[in-house]
Amino acid sequence: MRLFYQEWGFSGDREAYFDSRNAFIDQVLQRRKGIPVSLGSLLLYLGHKLGFPLNGISFPTQFLLSLNWSGERPIYLNPFNGEIVSQHTLQAWLVGHKGPLAKLKPQHLQSVDNPTIIGRWLALLKSALLREERYTLALRCTDLALTFVPDDPYEIRDRGFIYQQLQCHQIAISDYQYFIEHCPNDPAAELLKTQVNALSHDSQVTLH
């Protein structure tokens, strides 16, 4: 950890956390700044090359690492700053995220596989690109995510939003309708019904 954070100078970007440069691995390597999932992915790669028993954890509030020496309790690491995180702190993070009744459970600290890590990274990268209105790149993130979960209605809903921004209204309508059909009780479904009607009307006006 000293090598990565002190000698090499990697750190979490506190000033521009949601900047997409913090998710693009090549730019993280160049700038020495990132977010937990990008910094954690680099540490996982280095750890595995060096033989350290590091694993990724998709904790609800942020990506974590666990160091699992044989016969010892796991050590949880925050890749944003390289610090050890106690279970008391993890419980506090969970309460802040989910409410006062939230309880830290073993499943919150389970190791995850590479596709899960990639999925979390893609979600954060897509979110950053949407904030920056870089819709073409955001669409590529969604398309890649759908190769892992091809029927995910929430990913398809997000793709519909991106297509709408790109003025591809018919494809957006199709994606919104898929979400409405598969998640009829989601509060967003009613809003999307209104959006579908508006887009359909706009398309008819354009055709005439």
N, C-alpha and C. Protein backbone atom coordinates (compact mmCIF):
# COMPACT_ATOMS: atom_id res chain seq x y z
N MET A 1 0.82 -1.20 0.00
CA MET A 1 0.00 0.00 0.00
C MET A 1 0.87 1.27 0.00
N ARG A 2 1.96 1.21 0.77
CA ARG A 2 2.85 2.38 0.80
C ARG A 2 3.40 2.66 -0.60
N LEU A 3 3.78 1.60 -1.31
CA LEU A 3 4.31 1.76 -2.66
C LEU A 3 3.28 2.43 -3.57
N PHE A 4 2.05 1.96 -3.53
CA PHE A 4 1.01 2.44 -4.44
C PHE A 4 0.59 3.87 -4.12
N TYR A 5 0.36 4.16 -2.83
CA TYR A 5 -0.20 5.47 -2.46
C TYR A 5 0.86 6.52 -2.17
N GLN A 6 1.96 6.13 -1.57
CA GLN A 6 2.96 7.13 -1.17
C GLN A 6 4.07 7.27 -2.21
N GLU A 7 4.66 6.17 -2.63
CA GLU A 7 5.78 6.28 -3.56
C GLU A 7 5.30 6.56 -4.99
N TRP A 8 4.26 5.88 -5.42
CA TRP A 8 3.73 6.11 -6.77
C TRP A 8 2.75 7.27 -6.82
N GLY A 9 2.21 7.65 -5.68
CA GLY A 9 1.37 8.85 -5.61
C GLY A 9 -0.07 8.70 -6.05
N PHE A 10 -0.60 7.48 -6.04
CA PHE A 10 -2.02 7.31 -6.38
C PHE A 10 -2.89 7.80 -5.23
N SER A 11 -4.06 8.35 -5.57
CA SER A 11 -4.99 8.83 -4.55
C SER A 11 -6.38 8.94 -5.14
N GLY A 12 -7.36 9.00 -4.26
CA GLY A 12 -8.72 9.27 -4.70
C GLY A 12 -8.87 10.73 -5.07
N ASP A 13 -9.66 10.99 -6.10
CA ASP A 13 -9.87 12.37 -6.55
C ASP A 13 -11.03 12.97 -5.76
N ARG A 14 -10.71 13.71 -4.72
CA ARG A 14 -11.74 14.32 -3.88
C ARG A 14 -12.35 15.57 -4.52
N GLU A 15 -11.60 16.25 -5.36
CA GLU A 15 -12.06 17.51 -5.92
C GLU A 15 -13.01 17.30 -7.10
N ALA A 16 -12.82 16.24 -7.86
CA ALA A 16 -13.66 16.00 -9.04
C ALA A 16 -14.01 14.52 -9.11
N TYR A 17 -14.68 14.03 -8.07
CA TYR A 17 -14.94 12.60 -7.91
C TYR A 17 -15.66 12.03 -9.13
N PHE A 18 -16.62 12.77 -9.67
CA PHE A 18 -17.47 12.24 -10.74
C PHE A 18 -16.92 12.51 -12.15
N ASP A 19 -15.71 13.00 -12.24
CA ASP A 19 -15.06 13.20 -13.54
C ASP A 19 -14.82 11.84 -14.19
N SER A 20 -15.19 11.70 -15.45
CA SER A 20 -15.03 10.41 -16.12
C SER A 20 -13.58 9.97 -16.21
N ARG A 21 -12.65 10.92 -16.12
CA ARG A 21 -11.23 10.55 -16.16
C ARG A 21 -10.85 9.65 -14.99
N ASN A 22 -11.62 9.71 -13.91
CA ASN A 22 -11.35 8.87 -12.75
C ASN A 22 -11.78 7.42 -12.96
N ALA A 23 -12.47 7.15 -14.04
CA ALA A 23 -12.90 5.78 -14.33
C ALA A 23 -12.12 5.16 -15.48
N PHE A 24 -11.68 5.98 -16.44
CA PHE A 24 -10.88 5.46 -17.54
C PHE A 24 -9.50 5.05 -17.01
N ILE A 25 -9.19 3.75 -17.09
CA ILE A 25 -7.98 3.23 -16.46
C ILE A 25 -6.72 3.89 -17.00
N ASP A 26 -6.67 4.15 -18.31
CA ASP A 26 -5.46 4.77 -18.87
C ASP A 26 -5.24 6.16 -18.28
N GLN A 27 -6.34 6.90 -18.03
CA GLN A 27 -6.21 8.24 -17.47
C GLN A 27 -5.92 8.19 -15.97
N VAL A 28 -6.42 7.14 -15.30
CA VAL A 28 -6.08 6.96 -13.89
C VAL A 28 -4.57 6.72 -13.76
N LEU A 29 -4.02 5.91 -14.64
CA LEU A 29 -2.57 5.65 -14.61
C LEU A 29 -1.78 6.93 -14.91
N GLN A 30 -2.29 7.75 -15.81
CA GLN A 30 -1.58 8.98 -16.19
C GLN A 30 -1.68 10.04 -15.10
N ARG A 31 -2.87 10.21 -14.52
CA ARG A 31 -3.11 11.29 -13.56
C ARG A 31 -2.82 10.88 -12.13
N ARG A 32 -2.74 9.55 -11.87
CA ARG A 32 -2.56 9.02 -10.52
C ARG A 32 -3.74 9.36 -9.61
N LYS A 33 -4.90 9.53 -10.22
CA LYS A 33 -6.12 9.81 -9.45
C LYS A 33 -7.24 8.92 -9.96
N GLY A 34 -8.16 8.58 -9.04
CA GLY A 34 -9.26 7.73 -9.46
C GLY A 34 -10.35 7.65 -8.41
N ILE A 35 -11.22 6.68 -8.59
CA ILE A 35 -12.29 6.38 -7.65
C ILE A 35 -12.07 4.96 -7.14
N PRO A 36 -12.82 4.54 -6.12
CA PRO A 36 -12.54 3.23 -5.52
C PRO A 36 -12.46 2.07 -6.50
N VAL A 37 -13.39 2.00 -7.47
CA VAL A 37 -13.40 0.83 -8.34
C VAL A 37 -12.23 0.84 -9.32
N SER A 38 -11.79 2.00 -9.77
CA SER A 38 -10.65 2.04 -10.69
C SER A 38 -9.33 1.81 -9.95
N LEU A 39 -9.16 2.47 -8.82
CA LEU A 39 -7.96 2.25 -8.01
C LEU A 39 -7.92 0.82 -7.49
N GLY A 40 -9.09 0.33 -7.06
CA GLY A 40 -9.16 -1.04 -6.55
C GLY A 40 -8.84 -2.07 -7.61
N SER A 41 -9.26 -1.82 -8.84
CA SER A 41 -8.97 -2.75 -9.93
C SER A 41 -7.47 -2.81 -10.21
N LEU A 42 -6.81 -1.66 -10.15
CA LEU A 42 -5.35 -1.65 -10.33
C LEU A 42 -4.66 -2.42 -9.21
N LEU A 43 -5.14 -2.22 -7.98
CA LEU A 43 -4.55 -2.94 -6.84
C LEU A 43 -4.79 -4.44 -6.94
N LEU A 44 -5.97 -4.83 -7.41
CA LEU A 44 -6.25 -6.25 -7.60
C LEU A 44 -5.27 -6.86 -8.61
N TYR A 45 -5.05 -6.15 -9.69
CA TYR A 45 -4.13 -6.65 -10.72
C TYR A 45 -2.72 -6.80 -10.14
N LEU A 46 -2.25 -5.76 -9.45
CA LEU A 46 -0.91 -5.82 -8.87
C LEU A 46 -0.82 -6.89 -7.80
N GLY A 47 -1.86 -6.97 -6.96
CA GLY A 47 -1.87 -7.95 -5.89
C GLY A 47 -1.79 -9.38 -6.40
N HIS A 48 -2.55 -9.66 -7.43
CA HIS A 48 -2.53 -11.01 -8.00
C HIS A 48 -1.17 -11.32 -8.64
N LYS A 49 -0.57 -10.32 -9.29
CA LYS A 49 0.75 -10.52 -9.89
C LYS A 49 1.81 -10.82 -8.82
N LEU A 50 1.64 -10.20 -7.64
CA LEU A 50 2.61 -10.36 -6.56
C LEU A 50 2.25 -11.49 -5.60
N GLY A 51 1.12 -12.13 -5.83
CA GLY A 51 0.74 -13.26 -5.00
C GLY A 51 0.01 -12.91 -3.72
N PHE A 52 -0.53 -11.70 -3.62
CA PHE A 52 -1.28 -11.32 -2.43
C PHE A 52 -2.73 -11.80 -2.56
N PRO A 53 -3.32 -12.29 -1.48
CA PRO A 53 -4.70 -12.79 -1.52
C PRO A 53 -5.73 -11.65 -1.45
N LEU A 54 -5.76 -10.82 -2.47
CA LEU A 54 -6.70 -9.69 -2.53
C LEU A 54 -7.95 -10.09 -3.29
N ASN A 55 -9.09 -9.60 -2.82
CA ASN A 55 -10.37 -9.82 -3.50
C ASN A 55 -11.16 -8.53 -3.54
N GLY A 56 -12.03 -8.41 -4.54
CA GLY A 56 -12.91 -7.25 -4.63
C GLY A 56 -14.22 -7.50 -3.91
N ILE A 57 -14.76 -6.43 -3.32
CA ILE A 57 -16.05 -6.50 -2.63
C ILE A 57 -16.93 -5.38 -3.15
N SER A 58 -18.10 -5.74 -3.65
CA SER A 58 -19.03 -4.72 -4.17
C SER A 58 -19.94 -4.26 -3.03
N PHE A 59 -19.36 -3.52 -2.09
CA PHE A 59 -20.11 -3.00 -0.93
C PHE A 59 -21.12 -1.96 -1.42
N PRO A 60 -22.27 -1.84 -0.75
CA PRO A 60 -23.30 -0.92 -1.24
C PRO A 60 -22.84 0.52 -1.44
N THR A 61 -21.95 1.01 -0.59
CA THR A 61 -21.58 2.42 -0.69
C THR A 61 -20.40 2.67 -1.63
N GLN A 62 -19.52 1.70 -1.75
CA GLN A 62 -18.36 1.87 -2.63
C GLN A 62 -17.65 0.53 -2.78
N PHE A 63 -16.76 0.47 -3.74
CA PHE A 63 -15.97 -0.74 -3.96
C PHE A 63 -14.89 -0.84 -2.89
N LEU A 64 -14.72 -2.05 -2.36
CA LEU A 64 -13.72 -2.32 -1.33
C LEU A 64 -12.83 -3.47 -1.76
N LEU A 65 -11.75 -3.64 -1.01
CA LEU A 65 -10.88 -4.80 -1.17
C LEU A 65 -10.80 -5.55 0.15
N SER A 66 -10.60 -6.85 0.06
CA SER A 66 -10.34 -7.64 1.27
C SER A 66 -9.02 -8.38 1.09
N LEU A 67 -8.25 -8.38 2.15
CA LEU A 67 -6.98 -9.11 2.19
C LEU A 67 -7.19 -10.33 3.07
N ASN A 68 -7.06 -11.51 2.47
CA ASN A 68 -7.46 -12.74 3.16
C ASN A 68 -6.27 -13.67 3.34
N TRP A 69 -5.48 -13.42 4.39
CA TRP A 69 -4.39 -14.34 4.71
C TRP A 69 -4.96 -15.60 5.33
N SER A 70 -4.38 -16.73 4.99
CA SER A 70 -4.88 -18.02 5.48
C SER A 70 -4.88 -18.07 7.00
N GLY A 71 -6.03 -18.46 7.57
CA GLY A 71 -6.14 -18.63 9.01
C GLY A 71 -6.36 -17.35 9.78
N GLU A 72 -6.48 -16.21 9.10
CA GLU A 72 -6.70 -14.93 9.77
C GLU A 72 -8.00 -14.29 9.29
N ARG A 73 -8.51 -13.39 10.11
CA ARG A 73 -9.72 -12.67 9.72
C ARG A 73 -9.41 -11.72 8.57
N PRO A 74 -10.35 -11.55 7.65
CA PRO A 74 -10.11 -10.65 6.52
C PRO A 74 -9.84 -9.22 6.97
N ILE A 75 -8.99 -8.56 6.24
CA ILE A 75 -8.74 -7.13 6.44
C ILE A 75 -9.40 -6.39 5.29
N TYR A 76 -10.23 -5.40 5.62
CA TYR A 76 -10.96 -4.66 4.59
C TYR A 76 -10.26 -3.33 4.32
N LEU A 77 -10.07 -3.05 3.03
CA LEU A 77 -9.31 -1.88 2.61
C LEU A 77 -10.16 -0.96 1.75
N ASN A 78 -10.00 0.33 1.97
CA ASN A 78 -10.65 1.34 1.15
C ASN A 78 -9.68 1.76 0.05
N PRO A 79 -9.90 1.35 -1.20
CA PRO A 79 -8.94 1.69 -2.26
C PRO A 79 -8.89 3.18 -2.59
N PHE A 80 -9.83 3.95 -2.08
CA PHE A 80 -9.81 5.39 -2.34
C PHE A 80 -8.61 6.05 -1.66
N ASN A 81 -8.22 5.51 -0.48
CA ASN A 81 -7.09 6.11 0.24
C ASN A 81 -6.12 5.07 0.81
N GLY A 82 -6.41 3.79 0.63
CA GLY A 82 -5.53 2.74 1.12
C GLY A 82 -5.66 2.42 2.58
N GLU A 83 -6.64 2.99 3.26
CA GLU A 83 -6.79 2.79 4.70
C GLU A 83 -7.59 1.52 5.01
N ILE A 84 -7.27 0.92 6.17
CA ILE A 84 -8.05 -0.21 6.67
C ILE A 84 -9.40 0.31 7.18
N VAL A 85 -10.46 -0.44 6.88
CA VAL A 85 -11.81 -0.04 7.28
C VAL A 85 -12.33 -1.06 8.29
N SER A 86 -12.73 -0.59 9.46
CA SER A 86 -13.26 -1.48 10.49
C SER A 86 -14.71 -1.85 10.19
N GLN A 87 -15.19 -2.93 10.81
CA GLN A 87 -16.58 -3.30 10.62
C GLN A 87 -17.51 -2.26 11.23
N HIS A 88 -17.06 -1.57 12.26
CA HIS A 88 -17.86 -0.49 12.84
C HIS A 88 -18.07 0.62 11.80
N THR A 89 -17.02 0.96 11.08
CA THR A 89 -17.14 1.98 10.03
C THR A 89 -18.04 1.50 8.90
N LEU A 90 -17.89 0.23 8.52
CA LEU A 90 -18.74 -0.33 7.46
C LEU A 90 -20.21 -0.29 7.86
N GLN A 91 -20.49 -0.59 9.13
CA GLN A 91 -21.86 -0.51 9.62
C GLN A 91 -22.39 0.92 9.53
N ALA A 92 -21.54 1.89 9.90
CA ALA A 92 -21.95 3.30 9.82
C ALA A 92 -22.21 3.71 8.38
N TRP A 93 -21.37 3.27 7.45
CA TRP A 93 -21.60 3.58 6.03
C TRP A 93 -22.93 2.99 5.56
N LEU A 94 -23.21 1.77 5.99
CA LEU A 94 -24.43 1.10 5.56
C LEU A 94 -25.66 1.82 6.09
N VAL A 95 -25.62 2.25 7.34
CA VAL A 95 -26.73 3.00 7.93
C VAL A 95 -26.93 4.32 7.18
N GLY A 96 -25.84 5.00 6.86
CA GLY A 96 -25.95 6.24 6.12
C GLY A 96 -26.53 6.05 4.73
N HIS A 97 -26.32 4.87 4.17
CA HIS A 97 -26.79 4.59 2.81
C HIS A 97 -28.22 4.07 2.78
N LYS A 98 -28.55 3.17 3.71
CA LYS A 98 -29.84 2.48 3.66
C LYS A 98 -30.80 2.85 4.78
N GLY A 99 -30.33 3.58 5.78
CA GLY A 99 -31.22 3.97 6.87
C GLY A 99 -30.84 3.32 8.19
N PRO A 100 -31.43 3.79 9.29
CA PRO A 100 -31.02 3.38 10.64
C PRO A 100 -31.24 1.91 10.96
N LEU A 101 -32.09 1.23 10.23
CA LEU A 101 -32.37 -0.18 10.51
C LEU A 101 -31.43 -1.13 9.77
N ALA A 102 -30.57 -0.61 8.95
CA ALA A 102 -29.66 -1.46 8.16
C ALA A 102 -28.67 -2.17 9.07
N LYS A 103 -28.40 -3.42 8.76
CA LYS A 103 -27.46 -4.23 9.52
C LYS A 103 -26.40 -4.81 8.58
N LEU A 104 -25.17 -4.75 9.02
CA LEU A 104 -24.08 -5.33 8.24
C LEU A 104 -24.20 -6.85 8.27
N LYS A 105 -24.24 -7.45 7.09
CA LYS A 105 -24.41 -8.90 6.98
C LYS A 105 -23.26 -9.50 6.18
N PRO A 106 -23.03 -10.81 6.34
CA PRO A 106 -21.92 -11.45 5.62
C PRO A 106 -21.99 -11.24 4.11
N GLN A 107 -23.20 -11.22 3.55
CA GLN A 107 -23.30 -11.06 2.09
C GLN A 107 -22.81 -9.70 1.61
N HIS A 108 -22.81 -8.70 2.50
CA HIS A 108 -22.28 -7.38 2.12
C HIS A 108 -20.77 -7.43 1.88
N LEU A 109 -20.11 -8.43 2.45
CA LEU A 109 -18.65 -8.50 2.40
C LEU A 109 -18.15 -9.70 1.61
N GLN A 110 -19.00 -10.25 0.79
CA GLN A 110 -18.60 -11.39 -0.04
C GLN A 110 -17.73 -10.93 -1.21
N SER A 111 -16.75 -11.74 -1.54
CA SER A 111 -15.92 -11.45 -2.71
C SER A 111 -16.74 -11.59 -3.98
N VAL A 112 -16.41 -10.79 -4.97
CA VAL A 112 -17.15 -10.82 -6.24
C VAL A 112 -16.20 -11.18 -7.37
N ASP A 113 -16.78 -11.66 -8.47
CA ASP A 113 -15.98 -12.07 -9.62
C ASP A 113 -15.72 -10.88 -10.55
N ASN A 114 -14.89 -11.11 -11.55
CA ASN A 114 -14.51 -10.03 -12.47
C ASN A 114 -15.70 -9.41 -13.21
N PRO A 115 -16.66 -10.21 -13.72
CA PRO A 115 -17.81 -9.59 -14.39
C PRO A 115 -18.58 -8.63 -13.49
N THR A 116 -18.68 -8.95 -12.20
CA THR A 116 -19.38 -8.05 -11.27
C THR A 116 -18.59 -6.75 -11.10
N ILE A 117 -17.29 -6.86 -10.99
CA ILE A 117 -16.45 -5.66 -10.87
C ILE A 117 -16.55 -4.81 -12.13
N ILE A 118 -16.50 -5.46 -13.29
CA ILE A 118 -16.62 -4.73 -14.55
C ILE A 118 -17.98 -4.04 -14.63
N GLY A 119 -19.03 -4.73 -14.18
CA GLY A 119 -20.36 -4.14 -14.20
C GLY A 119 -20.45 -2.89 -13.34
N ARG A 120 -19.83 -2.93 -12.15
CA ARG A 120 -19.85 -1.75 -11.28
C ARG A 120 -19.05 -0.61 -11.91
N TRP A 121 -17.90 -0.95 -12.48
CA TRP A 121 -17.08 0.07 -13.14
C TRP A 121 -17.84 0.70 -14.31
N LEU A 122 -18.51 -0.11 -15.12
CA LEU A 122 -19.26 0.42 -16.25
C LEU A 122 -20.39 1.34 -15.80
N ALA A 123 -21.07 0.97 -14.71
CA ALA A 123 -22.16 1.80 -14.21
C ALA A 123 -21.66 3.17 -13.78
N LEU A 124 -20.52 3.20 -13.10
CA LEU A 124 -19.97 4.48 -12.65
C LEU A 124 -19.44 5.30 -13.82
N LEU A 125 -18.81 4.63 -14.77
CA LEU A 125 -18.32 5.34 -15.96
C LEU A 125 -19.49 5.91 -16.76
N LYS A 126 -20.53 5.11 -16.94
CA LYS A 126 -21.71 5.57 -17.67
C LYS A 126 -22.33 6.79 -16.98
N SER A 127 -22.44 6.73 -15.66
CA SER A 127 -23.01 7.85 -14.92
C SER A 127 -22.20 9.12 -15.11
N ALA A 128 -20.87 8.99 -15.08
CA ALA A 128 -20.01 10.15 -15.28
C ALA A 128 -20.15 10.72 -16.68
N LEU A 129 -20.22 9.84 -17.67
CA LEU A 129 -20.36 10.29 -19.06
C LEU A 129 -21.71 10.96 -19.29
N LEU A 130 -22.76 10.47 -18.65
CA LEU A 130 -24.07 11.12 -18.78
C LEU A 130 -24.04 12.52 -18.18
N ARG A 131 -23.37 12.69 -17.05
CA ARG A 131 -23.25 14.02 -16.45
C ARG A 131 -22.54 14.98 -17.41
N GLU A 132 -21.59 14.43 -18.15
CA GLU A 132 -20.83 15.25 -19.10
C GLU A 132 -21.49 15.33 -20.47
N GLU A 133 -22.67 14.72 -20.60
CA GLU A 133 -23.45 14.70 -21.84
C GLU A 133 -22.66 14.09 -23.01
N ARG A 134 -21.87 13.10 -22.71
CA ARG A 134 -21.11 12.37 -23.74
C ARG A 134 -21.88 11.09 -24.04
N TYR A 135 -22.96 11.26 -24.77
CA TYR A 135 -23.94 10.19 -24.91
C TYR A 135 -23.46 9.02 -25.76
N THR A 136 -22.66 9.28 -26.76
CA THR A 136 -22.19 8.18 -27.61
C THR A 136 -21.31 7.22 -26.81
N LEU A 137 -20.43 7.77 -25.99
CA LEU A 137 -19.59 6.91 -25.15
C LEU A 137 -20.42 6.22 -24.07
N ALA A 138 -21.41 6.93 -23.53
CA ALA A 138 -22.29 6.32 -22.53
C ALA A 138 -23.04 5.13 -23.12
N LEU A 139 -23.44 5.27 -24.39
CA LEU A 139 -24.14 4.18 -25.06
C LEU A 139 -23.24 2.95 -25.19
N ARG A 140 -21.97 3.17 -25.44
CA ARG A 140 -21.04 2.04 -25.54
C ARG A 140 -20.92 1.33 -24.20
N CYS A 141 -20.96 2.09 -23.10
CA CYS A 141 -20.93 1.47 -21.77
C CYS A 141 -22.16 0.59 -21.56
N THR A 142 -23.32 1.11 -21.94
CA THR A 142 -24.56 0.35 -21.77
C THR A 142 -24.55 -0.91 -22.63
N ASP A 143 -24.11 -0.78 -23.86
CA ASP A 143 -24.06 -1.95 -24.74
C ASP A 143 -23.14 -3.03 -24.18
N LEU A 144 -22.01 -2.60 -23.61
CA LEU A 144 -21.09 -3.57 -23.02
C LEU A 144 -21.69 -4.21 -21.77
N ALA A 145 -22.36 -3.39 -20.95
CA ALA A 145 -23.00 -3.94 -19.75
C ALA A 145 -24.06 -4.97 -20.11
N LEU A 146 -24.77 -4.74 -21.20
CA LEU A 146 -25.83 -5.66 -21.62
C LEU A 146 -25.28 -6.97 -22.17
N THR A 147 -24.00 -7.03 -22.46
CA THR A 147 -23.43 -8.33 -22.83
C THR A 147 -23.32 -9.24 -21.62
N PHE A 148 -23.27 -8.65 -20.41
CA PHE A 148 -23.23 -9.44 -19.18
C PHE A 148 -24.65 -9.74 -18.67
N VAL A 149 -25.55 -8.77 -18.80
CA VAL A 149 -26.93 -8.93 -18.31
C VAL A 149 -27.89 -8.48 -19.42
N PRO A 150 -28.06 -9.29 -20.45
CA PRO A 150 -28.78 -8.84 -21.66
C PRO A 150 -30.24 -8.48 -21.44
N ASP A 151 -30.87 -8.98 -20.39
CA ASP A 151 -32.29 -8.72 -20.17
C ASP A 151 -32.56 -7.76 -19.01
N ASP A 152 -31.54 -7.09 -18.52
CA ASP A 152 -31.70 -6.20 -17.37
C ASP A 152 -32.58 -5.00 -17.75
N PRO A 153 -33.79 -4.90 -17.20
CA PRO A 153 -34.69 -3.81 -17.60
C PRO A 153 -34.17 -2.43 -17.23
N TYR A 154 -33.40 -2.33 -16.16
CA TYR A 154 -32.88 -1.02 -15.75
C TYR A 154 -31.77 -0.56 -16.69
N GLU A 155 -30.96 -1.48 -17.14
CA GLU A 155 -29.93 -1.12 -18.11
C GLU A 155 -30.57 -0.75 -19.45
N ILE A 156 -31.63 -1.46 -19.82
CA ILE A 156 -32.34 -1.16 -21.06
C ILE A 156 -33.06 0.19 -20.95
N ARG A 157 -33.60 0.49 -19.77
CA ARG A 157 -34.21 1.81 -19.55
C ARG A 157 -33.17 2.92 -19.74
N ASP A 158 -31.99 2.72 -19.16
CA ASP A 158 -30.93 3.72 -19.31
C ASP A 158 -30.52 3.88 -20.77
N ARG A 159 -30.48 2.75 -21.49
CA ARG A 159 -30.16 2.83 -22.91
C ARG A 159 -31.21 3.64 -23.66
N GLY A 160 -32.48 3.46 -23.28
CA GLY A 160 -33.54 4.25 -23.88
C GLY A 160 -33.35 5.73 -23.68
N PHE A 161 -32.95 6.11 -22.46
CA PHE A 161 -32.69 7.53 -22.18
C PHE A 161 -31.57 8.06 -23.08
N ILE A 162 -30.51 7.26 -23.22
CA ILE A 162 -29.39 7.69 -24.06
C ILE A 162 -29.83 7.84 -25.51
N TYR A 163 -30.60 6.87 -26.00
CA TYR A 163 -31.09 6.97 -27.38
C TYR A 163 -31.99 8.20 -27.55
N GLN A 164 -32.75 8.52 -26.53
CA GLN A 164 -33.59 9.72 -26.61
C GLN A 164 -32.72 10.97 -26.77
N GLN A 165 -31.63 11.04 -26.00
CA GLN A 165 -30.74 12.19 -26.11
C GLN A 165 -30.06 12.26 -27.48
N LEU A 166 -29.89 11.09 -28.10
CA LEU A 166 -29.28 11.03 -29.42
C LEU A 166 -30.31 11.18 -30.54
N GLN A 167 -31.56 11.52 -30.16
CA GLN A 167 -32.65 11.75 -31.11
C GLN A 167 -33.05 10.47 -31.87
N CYS A 168 -32.80 9.32 -31.28
CA CYS A 168 -33.25 8.04 -31.85
C CYS A 168 -34.51 7.62 -31.12
N HIS A 169 -35.61 8.32 -31.41
CA HIS A 169 -36.80 8.20 -30.58
C HIS A 169 -37.48 6.85 -30.67
N GLN A 170 -37.49 6.24 -31.82
CA GLN A 170 -38.18 4.95 -31.95
C GLN A 170 -37.48 3.87 -31.12
N ILE A 171 -36.16 3.88 -31.12
CA ILE A 171 -35.43 2.91 -30.30
C ILE A 171 -35.64 3.22 -28.82
N ALA A 172 -35.66 4.50 -28.48
CA ALA A 172 -35.90 4.90 -27.09
C ALA A 172 -37.27 4.42 -26.63
N ILE A 173 -38.28 4.59 -27.47
CA ILE A 173 -39.64 4.13 -27.13
C ILE A 173 -39.64 2.63 -26.88
N SER A 174 -38.98 1.88 -27.73
CA SER A 174 -38.92 0.42 -27.58
C SER A 174 -38.28 0.03 -26.25
N ASP A 175 -37.20 0.70 -25.89
CA ASP A 175 -36.52 0.38 -24.63
C ASP A 175 -37.38 0.78 -23.43
N TYR A 176 -38.03 1.93 -23.51
CA TYR A 176 -38.91 2.34 -22.42
C TYR A 176 -40.07 1.36 -22.26
N GLN A 177 -40.64 0.92 -23.36
CA GLN A 177 -41.75 -0.02 -23.29
C GLN A 177 -41.31 -1.35 -22.68
N TYR A 178 -40.10 -1.76 -22.97
CA TYR A 178 -39.56 -2.99 -22.37
C TYR A 178 -39.51 -2.84 -20.85
N PHE A 179 -39.03 -1.69 -20.38
CA PHE A 179 -38.95 -1.46 -18.94
C PHE A 179 -40.34 -1.44 -18.32
N ILE A 180 -41.28 -0.75 -18.95
CA ILE A 180 -42.64 -0.65 -18.42
C ILE A 180 -43.27 -2.04 -18.31
N GLU A 181 -43.04 -2.87 -19.31
CA GLU A 181 -43.61 -4.22 -19.32
C GLU A 181 -43.02 -5.10 -18.22
N HIS A 182 -41.72 -4.96 -17.98
CA HIS A 182 -41.06 -5.85 -17.03
C HIS A 182 -41.01 -5.30 -15.61
N CYS A 183 -41.21 -4.01 -15.45
CA CYS A 183 -41.19 -3.40 -14.11
C CYS A 183 -42.42 -2.50 -13.93
N PRO A 184 -43.63 -3.06 -14.05
CA PRO A 184 -44.84 -2.22 -14.03
C PRO A 184 -45.06 -1.51 -12.70
N ASN A 185 -44.51 -2.04 -11.61
CA ASN A 185 -44.72 -1.45 -10.29
C ASN A 185 -43.63 -0.46 -9.89
N ASP A 186 -42.63 -0.33 -10.72
CA ASP A 186 -41.58 0.64 -10.43
C ASP A 186 -42.14 2.05 -10.62
N PRO A 187 -41.86 2.98 -9.69
CA PRO A 187 -42.39 4.35 -9.84
C PRO A 187 -42.00 5.00 -11.16
N ALA A 188 -40.88 4.61 -11.73
CA ALA A 188 -40.45 5.21 -12.99
C ALA A 188 -41.32 4.79 -14.16
N ALA A 189 -42.05 3.67 -14.01
CA ALA A 189 -42.85 3.16 -15.13
C ALA A 189 -43.92 4.16 -15.56
N GLU A 190 -44.60 4.78 -14.60
CA GLU A 190 -45.65 5.75 -14.94
C GLU A 190 -45.06 6.97 -15.64
N LEU A 191 -43.91 7.41 -15.17
CA LEU A 191 -43.26 8.55 -15.82
C LEU A 191 -42.86 8.21 -17.25
N LEU A 192 -42.39 6.99 -17.44
CA LEU A 192 -41.96 6.59 -18.77
C LEU A 192 -43.13 6.42 -19.73
N LYS A 193 -44.30 6.05 -19.19
CA LYS A 193 -45.49 5.97 -20.05
C LYS A 193 -45.79 7.34 -20.64
N THR A 194 -45.69 8.36 -19.82
CA THR A 194 -45.89 9.73 -20.30
C THR A 194 -44.83 10.10 -21.33
N GLN A 195 -43.61 9.68 -21.07
CA GLN A 195 -42.51 9.98 -21.99
C GLN A 195 -42.72 9.28 -23.33
N VAL A 196 -43.18 8.03 -23.28
CA VAL A 196 -43.45 7.28 -24.52
C VAL A 196 -44.52 7.98 -25.34
N ASN A 197 -45.59 8.43 -24.69
CA ASN A 197 -46.66 9.14 -25.40
C ASN A 197 -46.14 10.41 -26.05
N ALA A 198 -45.30 11.14 -25.32
CA ALA A 198 -44.75 12.39 -25.87
C ALA A 198 -43.84 12.11 -27.06
N LEU A 199 -43.00 11.09 -26.94
CA LEU A 199 -42.09 10.76 -28.04
C LEU A 199 -42.86 10.24 -29.25
N SER A 200 -43.91 9.46 -29.00
CA SER A 200 -44.73 8.95 -30.11
C SER A 200 -45.41 10.09 -30.84
N HIS A 201 -45.91 11.06 -30.07
CA HIS A 201 -46.56 12.23 -30.68
C HIS A 201 -45.57 13.04 -31.50
N ASP A 202 -44.36 13.23 -30.95
CA ASP A 202 -43.33 13.98 -31.67
C ASP A 202 -42.97 13.29 -32.98
N SER A 203 -42.90 11.95 -32.93
CA SER A 203 -42.55 11.20 -34.14
C SER A 203 -43.62 11.34 -35.20
N GLN A 204 -44.90 11.34 -34.78
CA GLN A 204 -46.00 11.49 -35.73
C GLN A 204 -46.00 12.87 -36.35
N VAL A 205 -45.71 13.89 -35.53
CA VAL A 205 -45.65 15.26 -36.05
C VAL A 205 -44.53 15.38 -37.07
N THR A 206 -43.38 14.76 -36.76
CA THR A 206 -42.24 14.82 -37.68
C THR A 206 -42.56 14.16 -39.00
N LEU A 207 -43.26 13.02 -38.95
CA LEU A 207 -43.61 12.29 -40.16
C LEU A 207 -44.57 13.08 -41.04
N HIS A 208 -45.46 13.84 -40.42
CA HIS A 208 -46.42 14.62 -41.19
C HIS A 208 -45.81 15.94 -41.66
